[in-house]
Amino acid sequence: MALLRRGARRVLRLYPIKVALVLIIPSLALYLFFTIWPITYSIYLAFTNAAETNIAPNPDYIRDLENAKACVYNANETREEIQSRALEAYESVVDARAKLTQLYDKLNKAVEENRSITPIELMGLTKVSREAYKDVYRAADDVKGLFVCNTTYAIISPYIEGNLSAAASRLANDVVKPLESKFMKPLTPSEARGIRDAVNDTIVRINLTLTSIEVIAKDFDGFIKSVLDSIDQELDRLKLKTVGLKNVDELLHDSRFIYSIFKTLLFVLTSVPLKVAVGVALAFFFSSELIYGRKIMRALLLTPWAIPTLLSVTTWRMLFEPGAFLQQTFSYLTGHKFLILNNEWDAFILYNIVEMWLAYPFIMTVTMGAIAGIPKEIIEATYIDGASVWLRFRKVLLPQVMRPVLFATVLTTGASLQAFMVPLLINGGGPSGSISVLGLEPRYGNLNEFLILYGYNRAYIDREYGLAAAVYLVVVVFLAIYVLAWLKLTRGGRGR
């Protein structure tokens, strides 16, 4: 006893309690932080509008919007000048449209009559097209300088200038130049058709700008208000804010999400019985002493555990590629071409097969351990009583291993509820198609998109992180309900 006390004192001298606390407490704090913080933050995101635009917005873009907003307020000081230039641009655009309409009518008439346009007619058309180009160019130049704030250049309605510039470019390259190049030569019907279409496109672009320019010229206050509202909406879109249960409500009204729940539960109902049945059957079969070399064969049956999931699933996909042996075999057995990339239910069948391949070693190992624990006296008594193989299995052996098998079933059911790698690697949860759920608006998406994969796609493809976090919160709720139900059932069973 004295030796133990002296040894303890030596240890404390070598490793003082203060040193231990200095090492343990920060390590424990860091561990708890990096464990709890991601979970807490994920739950927080489920109640926000987190998306690619607002979770880490570009500060330069926000600054540009703020500058544009300041520019709008300052525009009131030069209201008369802006309105005057907008009115000039509006009149120029109206004149250009009138000339282009005239040009279009003459070209269209020649096309419909399928006749060439004479050089004399071409001279008049070329003159009209040049005048129209000057009007459009003048209008674009007037609009370009409407809103300038100090050294910051801000076009409040950028599509006005964009459409006018595009109209001027199309008019110069596809109307004026082709007409000028036909100097003293007739214009064929096919050439007239091409120029006519270019004129029509120019008219469409001009019409898109007329209403906006007119508003600037005649209802300046209304225009300013609409611009400020649009900037505020964009700034609001860039802010991360809580939205309560809006994400959950959106998910419940999304036919794609509801269908993913249906497919996940259906996968649980089909895959769990399959892998449990295969695992239990193999365990009983290779536990028989009548099987020669059963130990080696049992070791080989554990191969799926030794192979990485990525390699296993990829191999199965290759085996079901068009023209592969298993694909042709299943095509023959099912009576139709078995295509996992094009057929929803063919892919679903393969998911079940792959899930069974990945999970049966676990069920088999648990069952074998339970079988090994059955007293030999019980088995020998069944032989003495003359019970058949099926009767021994059903009445004696199966009840003895039922509790471990049920426990393994609970665990593998939770794994099926969280199925992700199998559908992702087989075909991305496809094929794609229209998803219809009674009472909800149809959506386009992957027809085998399980819950976890749906959340993954919302996060990494749609970049809607708040919705993705809400999906995973729903999955956690599903798992919690499942665990609570199982605990209640097992407690009830013990009570009886």
Protein backbone atom coordinates (compact mmCIF):
# COMPACT_ATOMS: atom_id res chain seq x y z
CA MET A 1 0.00 0.00 0.00
CA ALA A 2 2.83 2.33 0.89
CA LEU A 3 4.48 1.55 -2.46
CA LEU A 4 1.29 2.51 -4.28
CA ARG A 5 1.11 5.83 -2.44
CA ARG A 6 4.72 6.62 -3.25
CA GLY A 7 4.10 5.68 -6.90
CA ALA A 8 1.06 7.97 -7.03
CA ARG A 9 3.07 10.86 -5.56
CA ARG A 10 5.79 10.32 -8.18
CA VAL A 11 3.19 10.38 -10.97
CA LEU A 12 1.71 13.61 -9.61
CA ARG A 13 5.19 15.14 -9.47
CA LEU A 14 5.79 14.14 -13.09
CA TYR A 15 2.28 15.08 -14.26
CA PRO A 16 0.82 17.76 -11.97
CA ILE A 17 -2.96 18.19 -11.94
CA LYS A 18 -2.65 21.78 -13.17
CA VAL A 19 -0.77 20.63 -16.25
CA ALA A 20 -3.41 18.00 -16.91
CA LEU A 21 -6.19 20.55 -16.59
CA VAL A 22 -4.36 22.98 -18.88
CA LEU A 23 -4.18 20.26 -21.51
CA ILE A 24 -7.62 18.69 -21.04
CA ILE A 25 -9.91 21.71 -20.65
CA PRO A 26 -8.90 23.54 -23.90
CA SER A 27 -8.99 20.24 -25.80
CA LEU A 28 -12.46 19.48 -24.45
CA ALA A 29 -13.63 23.02 -25.23
CA LEU A 30 -12.35 22.77 -28.82
CA TYR A 31 -13.93 19.35 -29.25
CA LEU A 32 -17.32 20.58 -28.01
CA PHE A 33 -17.08 23.72 -30.16
CA PHE A 34 -16.32 21.86 -33.38
CA THR A 35 -19.03 19.31 -32.56
CA ILE A 36 -21.84 21.56 -31.37
CA TRP A 37 -21.23 24.63 -33.57
CA PRO A 38 -21.80 22.94 -36.98
CA ILE A 39 -24.99 21.30 -35.66
CA THR A 40 -26.26 24.57 -34.17
CA TYR A 41 -25.41 26.53 -37.31
CA SER A 42 -27.14 23.96 -39.53
CA ILE A 43 -30.30 24.18 -37.42
CA TYR A 44 -30.10 27.99 -37.63
CA LEU A 45 -29.79 27.87 -41.43
CA ALA A 46 -32.96 25.78 -41.64
CA PHE A 47 -34.90 28.84 -40.46
CA THR A 48 -33.20 31.37 -42.77
CA ASN A 49 -33.30 32.29 -46.45
CA ALA A 50 -29.66 31.20 -46.87
CA ALA A 51 -28.68 30.88 -50.53
CA GLU A 52 -25.65 31.43 -52.74
CA THR A 53 -26.48 35.13 -53.11
CA ASN A 54 -26.78 36.05 -49.43
CA ILE A 55 -24.68 33.62 -47.41
CA ALA A 56 -21.51 35.38 -48.61
CA PRO A 57 -22.57 38.30 -50.84
CA ASN A 58 -20.09 40.13 -53.02
CA PRO A 59 -19.26 43.41 -51.21
CA ASP A 60 -18.42 45.15 -54.52
CA TYR A 61 -21.88 44.35 -55.86
CA ILE A 62 -23.55 45.69 -52.71
CA ARG A 63 -21.46 48.86 -52.99
CA ASP A 64 -22.54 49.30 -56.62
CA LEU A 65 -26.18 48.97 -55.61
CA GLU A 66 -25.74 51.53 -52.85
CA ASN A 67 -24.06 53.89 -55.32
CA ALA A 68 -26.91 53.41 -57.77
CA LYS A 69 -29.39 54.19 -55.00
CA ALA A 70 -27.52 57.39 -54.11
CA CYS A 71 -27.46 58.25 -57.80
CA VAL A 72 -31.24 57.98 -57.97
CA TYR A 73 -31.67 60.38 -55.03
CA ASN A 74 -29.24 62.85 -56.61
CA ALA A 75 -31.09 62.61 -59.92
CA ASN A 76 -33.85 64.80 -58.49
CA GLU A 77 -31.44 67.74 -58.63
CA THR A 78 -31.11 67.41 -62.42
CA ARG A 79 -34.68 66.33 -63.07
CA GLU A 80 -35.34 68.82 -65.87
CA GLU A 81 -32.15 67.97 -67.76
CA ILE A 82 -32.79 64.22 -67.48
CA GLN A 83 -36.39 64.58 -68.64
CA SER A 84 -35.31 66.77 -71.54
CA ARG A 85 -32.72 64.24 -72.74
CA ALA A 86 -35.14 61.36 -72.23
CA LEU A 87 -37.76 63.20 -74.32
CA GLU A 88 -35.21 63.75 -77.10
CA ALA A 89 -34.30 60.05 -76.99
CA TYR A 90 -37.98 59.11 -77.06
CA GLU A 91 -38.65 61.28 -80.15
CA SER A 92 -35.58 59.87 -81.91
CA VAL A 93 -36.71 56.30 -81.20
CA VAL A 94 -40.25 57.02 -82.44
CA ASP A 95 -38.82 58.50 -85.68
CA ALA A 96 -36.52 55.49 -86.12
CA ARG A 97 -39.41 53.08 -85.61
CA ALA A 98 -41.53 54.88 -88.22
CA LYS A 99 -38.72 54.68 -90.78
CA LEU A 100 -37.97 51.05 -90.00
CA THR A 101 -41.66 50.15 -90.31
CA GLN A 102 -41.68 51.75 -93.75
CA LEU A 103 -38.51 49.84 -94.68
CA TYR A 104 -39.98 46.56 -93.39
CA ASP A 105 -43.20 46.98 -95.40
CA LYS A 106 -41.34 47.51 -98.68
CA LEU A 107 -38.96 44.58 -98.11
CA ASN A 108 -41.82 42.30 -97.01
CA LYS A 109 -43.86 43.18 -100.09
CA ALA A 110 -40.95 42.23 -102.37
CA VAL A 111 -40.49 38.94 -100.47
CA GLU A 112 -44.19 38.06 -100.70
CA GLU A 113 -44.23 38.85 -104.44
CA ASN A 114 -40.98 36.90 -104.82
CA ARG A 115 -39.40 39.62 -106.93
CA SER A 116 -36.03 41.35 -106.90
CA ILE A 117 -35.69 44.97 -105.75
CA THR A 118 -34.31 47.27 -108.46
CA PRO A 119 -31.21 49.46 -107.93
CA ILE A 120 -33.38 52.60 -108.03
CA GLU A 121 -35.62 51.23 -105.25
CA LEU A 122 -32.50 50.23 -103.33
CA MET A 123 -31.25 53.81 -103.26
CA GLY A 124 -34.42 54.89 -101.44
CA LEU A 125 -34.28 51.95 -99.00
CA THR A 126 -30.61 52.62 -98.23
CA LYS A 127 -31.34 56.29 -97.49
CA VAL A 128 -34.17 55.34 -95.10
CA SER A 129 -32.00 52.76 -93.30
CA ARG A 130 -29.18 55.31 -92.78
CA GLU A 131 -31.58 57.86 -91.31
CA ALA A 132 -33.09 55.22 -89.01
CA TYR A 133 -29.60 54.21 -87.85
CA LYS A 134 -28.74 57.85 -87.04
CA ASP A 135 -31.92 58.18 -84.98
CA VAL A 136 -31.26 54.97 -83.00
CA TYR A 137 -27.61 55.89 -82.43
CA ARG A 138 -28.60 59.39 -81.26
CA ALA A 139 -31.18 57.94 -78.86
CA ALA A 140 -28.64 55.46 -77.42
CA ASP A 141 -26.20 58.32 -76.89
CA ASP A 142 -28.87 60.41 -75.13
CA VAL A 143 -29.81 57.57 -72.80
CA LYS A 144 -26.20 56.67 -72.00
CA GLY A 145 -25.59 59.87 -70.05
CA LEU A 146 -28.89 60.19 -68.24
CA PHE A 147 -27.63 59.24 -64.77
CA VAL A 148 -24.09 60.11 -63.67
CA CYS A 149 -23.06 60.45 -60.01
CA ASN A 150 -19.69 62.14 -59.40
CA THR A 151 -17.15 59.67 -60.80
CA THR A 152 -19.55 56.74 -60.50
CA TYR A 153 -21.37 55.95 -63.73
CA ALA A 154 -24.75 54.30 -63.11
CA ILE A 155 -27.34 53.44 -65.72
CA ILE A 156 -30.53 53.03 -63.74
CA SER A 157 -32.29 51.09 -66.50
CA PRO A 158 -29.39 49.28 -68.19
CA TYR A 159 -31.62 47.30 -70.54
CA ILE A 160 -32.68 50.57 -72.24
CA GLU A 161 -29.15 51.35 -73.36
CA GLY A 162 -28.46 47.67 -73.99
CA ASN A 163 -31.40 47.26 -76.35
CA LEU A 164 -30.75 50.51 -78.14
CA SER A 165 -27.05 49.67 -78.61
CA ALA A 166 -27.97 46.17 -79.85
CA ALA A 167 -30.56 47.69 -82.22
CA ALA A 168 -27.99 50.15 -83.60
CA SER A 169 -25.43 47.37 -84.10
CA ARG A 170 -27.94 45.06 -85.82
CA LEU A 171 -29.14 47.90 -88.03
CA ALA A 172 -25.60 48.87 -89.08
CA ASN A 173 -24.28 45.35 -89.76
CA ASP A 174 -27.35 43.51 -91.09
CA VAL A 175 -29.34 46.24 -92.80
CA VAL A 176 -27.30 49.31 -93.83
CA LYS A 177 -24.15 47.49 -94.95
CA PRO A 178 -25.94 44.80 -97.03
CA LEU A 179 -28.04 47.48 -98.74
CA GLU A 180 -24.99 49.67 -99.48
CA SER A 181 -23.06 46.65 -100.83
CA LYS A 182 -25.72 46.13 -103.54
CA PHE A 183 -24.87 49.41 -105.28
CA MET A 184 -26.29 49.34 -108.83
CA LYS A 185 -27.27 45.68 -108.40
CA PRO A 186 -30.74 44.21 -107.79
CA LEU A 187 -31.60 42.70 -104.39
CA THR A 188 -32.79 39.08 -104.69
CA PRO A 189 -35.87 37.83 -102.74
CA SER A 190 -33.70 35.67 -100.45
CA GLU A 191 -31.42 38.64 -99.66
CA ALA A 192 -34.46 40.83 -99.05
CA ARG A 193 -35.84 38.20 -96.64
CA GLY A 194 -32.66 38.27 -94.53
CA ILE A 195 -32.61 42.06 -94.35
CA ARG A 196 -36.34 42.15 -93.59
CA ASP A 197 -35.84 39.82 -90.60
CA ALA A 198 -33.00 42.01 -89.30
CA VAL A 199 -35.26 45.07 -89.57
CA ASN A 200 -38.01 43.26 -87.69
CA ASP A 201 -35.60 42.29 -84.89
CA THR A 202 -34.47 45.92 -84.64
CA ILE A 203 -38.08 47.09 -84.33
CA VAL A 204 -38.71 44.58 -81.53
CA ARG A 205 -35.69 45.84 -79.57
CA ILE A 206 -36.75 49.45 -80.06
CA ASN A 207 -40.27 48.73 -78.82
CA LEU A 208 -38.81 47.26 -75.62
CA THR A 209 -37.27 50.64 -74.77
CA LEU A 210 -40.03 53.04 -75.73
CA THR A 211 -42.25 52.57 -72.67
CA SER A 212 -39.34 52.95 -70.24
CA ILE A 213 -37.99 56.07 -71.94
CA GLU A 214 -41.48 57.59 -72.01
CA VAL A 215 -41.86 56.98 -68.27
CA ILE A 216 -38.55 58.78 -67.58
CA ALA A 217 -39.65 61.72 -69.75
CA LYS A 218 -43.27 62.06 -68.56
CA ASP A 219 -43.54 60.36 -65.10
CA PHE A 220 -40.18 60.94 -63.50
CA ASP A 221 -41.38 60.45 -59.90
CA GLY A 222 -42.99 57.11 -60.78
CA PHE A 223 -39.84 56.00 -62.55
CA ILE A 224 -37.62 56.96 -59.61
CA LYS A 225 -39.91 55.10 -57.19
CA SER A 226 -39.89 51.92 -59.30
CA VAL A 227 -36.09 52.02 -59.56
CA LEU A 228 -35.64 52.52 -55.82
CA ASP A 229 -38.04 49.67 -55.13
CA SER A 230 -36.11 47.35 -57.44
CA ILE A 231 -32.77 48.29 -55.82
CA ASP A 232 -34.22 47.77 -52.33
CA GLN A 233 -35.56 44.37 -53.38
CA GLU A 234 -32.14 43.37 -54.67
CA LEU A 235 -30.41 44.57 -51.50
CA ASP A 236 -32.99 42.71 -49.43
CA ARG A 237 -32.33 39.56 -51.46
CA LEU A 238 -28.65 39.81 -50.52
CA LYS A 239 -29.39 39.83 -46.77
CA LEU A 240 -29.37 36.67 -44.67
CA LYS A 241 -32.46 36.75 -42.44
CA THR A 242 -34.67 34.40 -40.50
CA VAL A 243 -37.86 33.26 -42.22
CA GLY A 244 -39.36 31.05 -39.53
CA LEU A 245 -41.06 27.96 -40.91
CA LYS A 246 -41.18 29.28 -44.47
CA ASN A 247 -38.63 26.70 -45.67
CA VAL A 248 -40.61 23.84 -44.17
CA ASP A 249 -43.82 25.21 -45.71
CA GLU A 250 -42.11 25.47 -49.10
CA LEU A 251 -40.89 21.88 -48.83
CA LEU A 252 -44.36 20.61 -47.94
CA HIS A 253 -45.72 22.31 -51.07
CA ASP A 254 -42.94 20.94 -53.29
CA SER A 255 -44.05 17.83 -55.19
CA ARG A 256 -40.39 16.93 -55.72
CA PHE A 257 -39.80 16.81 -51.94
CA ILE A 258 -43.00 14.86 -51.22
CA TYR A 259 -42.12 12.35 -53.91
CA SER A 260 -38.63 11.97 -52.41
CA ILE A 261 -40.25 11.02 -49.08
CA PHE A 262 -42.42 8.45 -50.86
CA LYS A 263 -39.42 6.98 -52.68
CA THR A 264 -37.33 6.87 -49.49
CA LEU A 265 -40.02 5.06 -47.50
CA LEU A 266 -40.65 2.69 -50.41
CA PHE A 267 -36.93 1.95 -50.55
CA VAL A 268 -36.96 1.16 -46.81
CA LEU A 269 -39.93 -1.21 -47.26
CA THR A 270 -38.23 -3.08 -50.13
CA SER A 271 -34.52 -3.00 -49.25
CA VAL A 272 -34.70 -3.87 -45.54
CA PRO A 273 -36.63 -7.18 -45.93
CA LEU A 274 -34.36 -8.10 -48.86
CA LYS A 275 -31.04 -7.61 -47.09
CA VAL A 276 -32.27 -9.10 -43.82
CA ALA A 277 -33.66 -12.18 -45.59
CA VAL A 278 -30.44 -12.72 -47.58
CA GLY A 279 -28.22 -12.13 -44.53
CA VAL A 280 -30.20 -14.50 -42.27
CA ALA A 281 -30.49 -17.18 -44.97
CA LEU A 282 -26.74 -17.15 -45.65
CA ALA A 283 -25.97 -17.23 -41.92
CA PHE A 284 -28.11 -20.33 -41.33
CA PHE A 285 -26.92 -22.03 -44.50
CA PHE A 286 -23.21 -21.63 -43.75
CA SER A 287 -23.65 -22.46 -40.07
CA SER A 288 -24.53 -26.04 -40.98
CA GLU A 289 -21.74 -28.52 -40.42
CA LEU A 290 -22.88 -30.34 -43.56
CA ILE A 291 -21.45 -27.54 -45.76
CA TYR A 292 -17.89 -28.38 -46.80
CA GLY A 293 -15.45 -25.47 -46.58
CA ARG A 294 -18.02 -23.23 -44.94
CA LYS A 295 -15.42 -21.19 -43.04
CA ILE A 296 -13.64 -20.17 -46.23
CA MET A 297 -16.95 -19.43 -47.94
CA ARG A 298 -18.13 -17.34 -45.00
CA ALA A 299 -14.92 -15.33 -45.18
CA LEU A 300 -15.45 -14.76 -48.91
CA LEU A 301 -19.03 -13.63 -48.25
CA LEU A 302 -17.66 -10.77 -46.16
CA THR A 303 -15.98 -9.32 -49.27
CA PRO A 304 -18.46 -6.40 -49.59
CA TRP A 305 -17.23 -5.16 -46.22
CA ALA A 306 -13.63 -5.11 -47.44
CA ILE A 307 -14.36 -3.20 -50.68
CA PRO A 308 -14.86 0.60 -50.49
CA THR A 309 -18.46 1.65 -51.13
CA LEU A 310 -17.42 3.87 -54.02
CA LEU A 311 -15.76 0.96 -55.82
CA SER A 312 -18.63 -1.46 -55.08
CA VAL A 313 -21.38 0.81 -56.37
CA THR A 314 -19.37 1.87 -59.42
CA THR A 315 -18.75 -1.80 -60.27
CA TRP A 316 -22.45 -2.60 -60.03
CA ARG A 317 -23.23 0.32 -62.32
CA MET A 318 -20.73 -0.98 -64.89
CA LEU A 319 -22.34 -4.44 -64.71
CA PHE A 320 -25.68 -2.90 -65.69
CA GLU A 321 -24.40 -0.65 -68.49
CA PRO A 322 -26.16 -1.29 -71.83
CA GLY A 323 -24.72 -4.46 -73.35
CA ALA A 324 -23.22 -5.76 -70.08
CA PHE A 325 -23.94 -9.36 -69.03
CA LEU A 326 -26.19 -8.57 -66.06
CA GLN A 327 -28.06 -5.92 -68.03
CA GLN A 328 -28.83 -8.43 -70.76
CA THR A 329 -29.77 -11.07 -68.17
CA PHE A 330 -32.24 -8.79 -66.41
CA SER A 331 -33.62 -7.65 -69.77
CA TYR A 332 -34.38 -11.29 -70.55
CA LEU A 333 -35.89 -12.00 -67.10
CA THR A 334 -38.07 -8.87 -66.99
CA GLY A 335 -39.19 -9.09 -70.61
CA HIS A 336 -38.11 -5.53 -71.48
CA LYS A 337 -34.85 -3.71 -72.03
CA PHE A 338 -33.44 -3.14 -68.53
CA LEU A 339 -32.10 0.44 -68.60
CA ILE A 340 -31.08 2.01 -65.30
CA LEU A 341 -30.44 5.42 -66.88
CA ASN A 342 -33.80 5.70 -68.64
CA ASN A 343 -36.29 3.73 -66.55
CA GLU A 344 -37.29 4.83 -63.04
CA TRP A 345 -38.15 1.38 -61.69
CA ASP A 346 -35.24 -0.43 -63.33
CA ALA A 347 -32.92 1.92 -61.44
CA PHE A 348 -34.92 1.39 -58.24
CA ILE A 349 -34.50 -2.39 -58.55
CA LEU A 350 -30.75 -1.96 -58.92
CA TYR A 351 -30.66 0.28 -55.83
CA ASN A 352 -32.19 -2.58 -53.83
CA ILE A 353 -29.71 -5.11 -55.21
CA VAL A 354 -26.72 -2.89 -54.41
CA GLU A 355 -28.06 -2.05 -50.95
CA MET A 356 -28.49 -5.76 -50.25
CA TRP A 357 -24.91 -6.42 -51.42
CA LEU A 358 -23.53 -3.74 -49.11
CA ALA A 359 -25.57 -4.68 -46.02
CA TYR A 360 -25.99 -8.47 -45.96
CA PRO A 361 -22.50 -9.11 -44.40
CA PHE A 362 -23.58 -7.14 -41.32
CA ILE A 363 -26.85 -9.07 -40.95
CA MET A 364 -25.07 -12.36 -41.63
CA THR A 365 -22.37 -11.71 -39.02
CA VAL A 366 -24.90 -10.72 -36.32
CA THR A 367 -27.02 -13.79 -37.09
CA MET A 368 -24.02 -16.14 -37.04
CA GLY A 369 -23.02 -14.80 -33.64
CA ALA A 370 -26.54 -15.46 -32.36
CA ILE A 371 -26.56 -18.97 -33.84
CA ALA A 372 -23.24 -19.77 -32.18
CA GLY A 373 -24.81 -18.88 -28.83
CA ILE A 374 -27.68 -21.37 -29.14
CA PRO A 375 -27.11 -24.29 -26.68
CA LYS A 376 -26.30 -27.53 -28.47
CA GLU A 377 -28.71 -29.39 -26.19
CA ILE A 378 -31.67 -27.57 -27.75
CA ILE A 379 -30.60 -28.47 -31.27
CA GLU A 380 -29.91 -32.08 -30.32
CA ALA A 381 -33.36 -32.32 -28.70
CA THR A 382 -35.00 -31.34 -32.00
CA TYR A 383 -33.14 -34.16 -33.78
CA ILE A 384 -34.29 -36.65 -31.12
CA ASP A 385 -37.89 -35.44 -31.45
CA GLY A 386 -37.66 -36.00 -35.22
CA ALA A 387 -38.45 -32.36 -36.20
CA SER A 388 -38.05 -31.49 -39.87
CA VAL A 389 -35.48 -28.94 -41.06
CA TRP A 390 -38.15 -26.29 -41.65
CA LEU A 391 -39.77 -26.95 -38.27
CA ARG A 392 -36.43 -26.72 -36.48
CA PHE A 393 -35.67 -23.45 -38.23
CA ARG A 394 -39.10 -21.87 -37.65
CA LYS A 395 -39.90 -23.06 -34.13
CA VAL A 396 -36.49 -23.39 -32.48
CA LEU A 397 -33.59 -21.64 -34.22
CA LEU A 398 -35.31 -18.50 -35.49
CA PRO A 399 -36.84 -17.54 -32.11
CA GLN A 400 -33.42 -17.94 -30.52
CA VAL A 401 -31.80 -15.40 -32.88
CA MET A 402 -34.80 -13.09 -33.28
CA ARG A 403 -33.69 -10.42 -30.80
CA PRO A 404 -30.19 -9.86 -32.33
CA VAL A 405 -31.69 -9.95 -35.84
CA LEU A 406 -34.30 -7.37 -34.89
CA PHE A 407 -31.58 -5.16 -33.44
CA ALA A 408 -29.59 -5.45 -36.68
CA THR A 409 -32.79 -4.69 -38.62
CA VAL A 410 -33.26 -1.48 -36.66
CA LEU A 411 -29.74 -0.33 -37.52
CA THR A 412 -29.98 -1.24 -41.19
CA THR A 413 -33.39 0.47 -41.46
CA GLY A 414 -31.79 3.69 -40.26
CA ALA A 415 -29.14 3.26 -42.95
CA SER A 416 -31.81 2.81 -45.64
CA LEU A 417 -33.60 5.96 -44.47
CA GLN A 418 -30.34 7.82 -45.06
CA ALA A 419 -29.54 6.19 -48.43
CA PHE A 420 -27.35 8.56 -50.44
CA MET A 421 -24.28 7.00 -52.03
CA VAL A 422 -26.15 4.26 -53.90
CA PRO A 423 -28.56 6.47 -55.92
CA LEU A 424 -25.93 9.19 -56.36
CA LEU A 425 -23.31 6.87 -57.86
CA ILE A 426 -25.69 4.68 -59.88
CA ASN A 427 -27.40 7.44 -61.86
CA GLY A 428 -27.63 10.55 -59.69
CA GLY A 429 -31.12 9.61 -58.52
CA GLY A 430 -32.44 9.68 -62.08
CA PRO A 431 -33.82 9.45 -64.60
CA SER A 432 -35.31 12.92 -64.80
CA GLY A 433 -38.95 13.63 -65.52
CA SER A 434 -42.10 15.42 -64.47
CA ILE A 435 -43.10 14.70 -60.85
CA SER A 436 -46.80 14.97 -60.02
CA VAL A 437 -48.30 14.73 -56.54
CA LEU A 438 -52.03 15.09 -55.91
CA GLY A 439 -52.90 18.65 -54.89
CA LEU A 440 -49.46 20.08 -55.72
CA GLU A 441 -47.99 21.76 -58.77
CA PRO A 442 -45.96 19.36 -60.95
CA ARG A 443 -42.20 19.80 -60.80
CA TYR A 444 -39.34 18.59 -62.96
CA GLY A 445 -36.68 16.57 -61.15
CA ASN A 446 -35.02 13.20 -60.59
CA LEU A 447 -37.54 10.41 -60.10
CA ASN A 448 -35.37 8.41 -57.66
CA GLU A 449 -34.23 11.32 -55.53
CA PHE A 450 -34.19 10.04 -51.94
CA LEU A 451 -34.41 12.50 -49.04
CA ILE A 452 -30.68 12.87 -48.38
CA LEU A 453 -29.94 13.19 -52.09
CA TYR A 454 -32.72 15.78 -52.44
CA GLY A 455 -31.11 17.86 -49.69
CA TYR A 456 -27.70 17.43 -51.29
CA ASN A 457 -29.03 18.68 -54.65
CA ARG A 458 -30.72 21.69 -53.05
CA ALA A 459 -27.42 22.61 -51.38
CA TYR A 460 -24.83 21.88 -54.07
CA ILE A 461 -26.81 22.30 -57.30
CA ASP A 462 -29.61 24.77 -56.48
CA ARG A 463 -27.41 26.55 -53.89
CA GLU A 464 -30.41 26.95 -51.57
CA TYR A 465 -28.71 26.25 -48.25
CA GLY A 466 -31.65 27.18 -46.03
CA LEU A 467 -33.93 24.71 -47.81
CA ALA A 468 -31.22 22.03 -47.73
CA ALA A 469 -30.78 22.49 -43.97
CA ALA A 470 -34.56 22.24 -43.55
CA VAL A 471 -34.52 18.96 -45.49
CA TYR A 472 -31.92 17.47 -43.16
CA LEU A 473 -33.90 18.72 -40.18
CA VAL A 474 -36.89 16.80 -41.52
CA VAL A 475 -34.68 13.70 -41.89
CA VAL A 476 -33.58 14.03 -38.26
CA VAL A 477 -37.24 14.28 -37.22
CA PHE A 478 -38.02 11.11 -39.20
CA LEU A 479 -35.15 9.26 -37.51
CA ALA A 480 -36.16 10.52 -34.06
CA ILE A 481 -39.75 9.34 -34.56
CA TYR A 482 -38.45 5.98 -35.77
CA VAL A 483 -36.14 5.54 -32.77
CA LEU A 484 -38.83 6.61 -30.28
CA ALA A 485 -41.35 4.22 -31.84
CA TRP A 486 -38.85 1.37 -31.67
CA LEU A 487 -37.99 2.10 -28.03
CA LYS A 488 -41.68 2.18 -27.13
CA LEU A 489 -42.31 -1.14 -28.87
CA THR A 490 -39.34 -2.87 -27.24
CA ARG A 491 -40.26 -1.57 -23.79
CA GLY A 492 -43.79 -2.76 -24.34
CA GLY A 493 -42.45 -6.18 -25.30
CA ARG A 494 -40.38 -6.40 -22.09
CA GLY A 495 -43.35 -5.33 -20.04
CA ARG A 496 -45.37 -8.26 -21.32
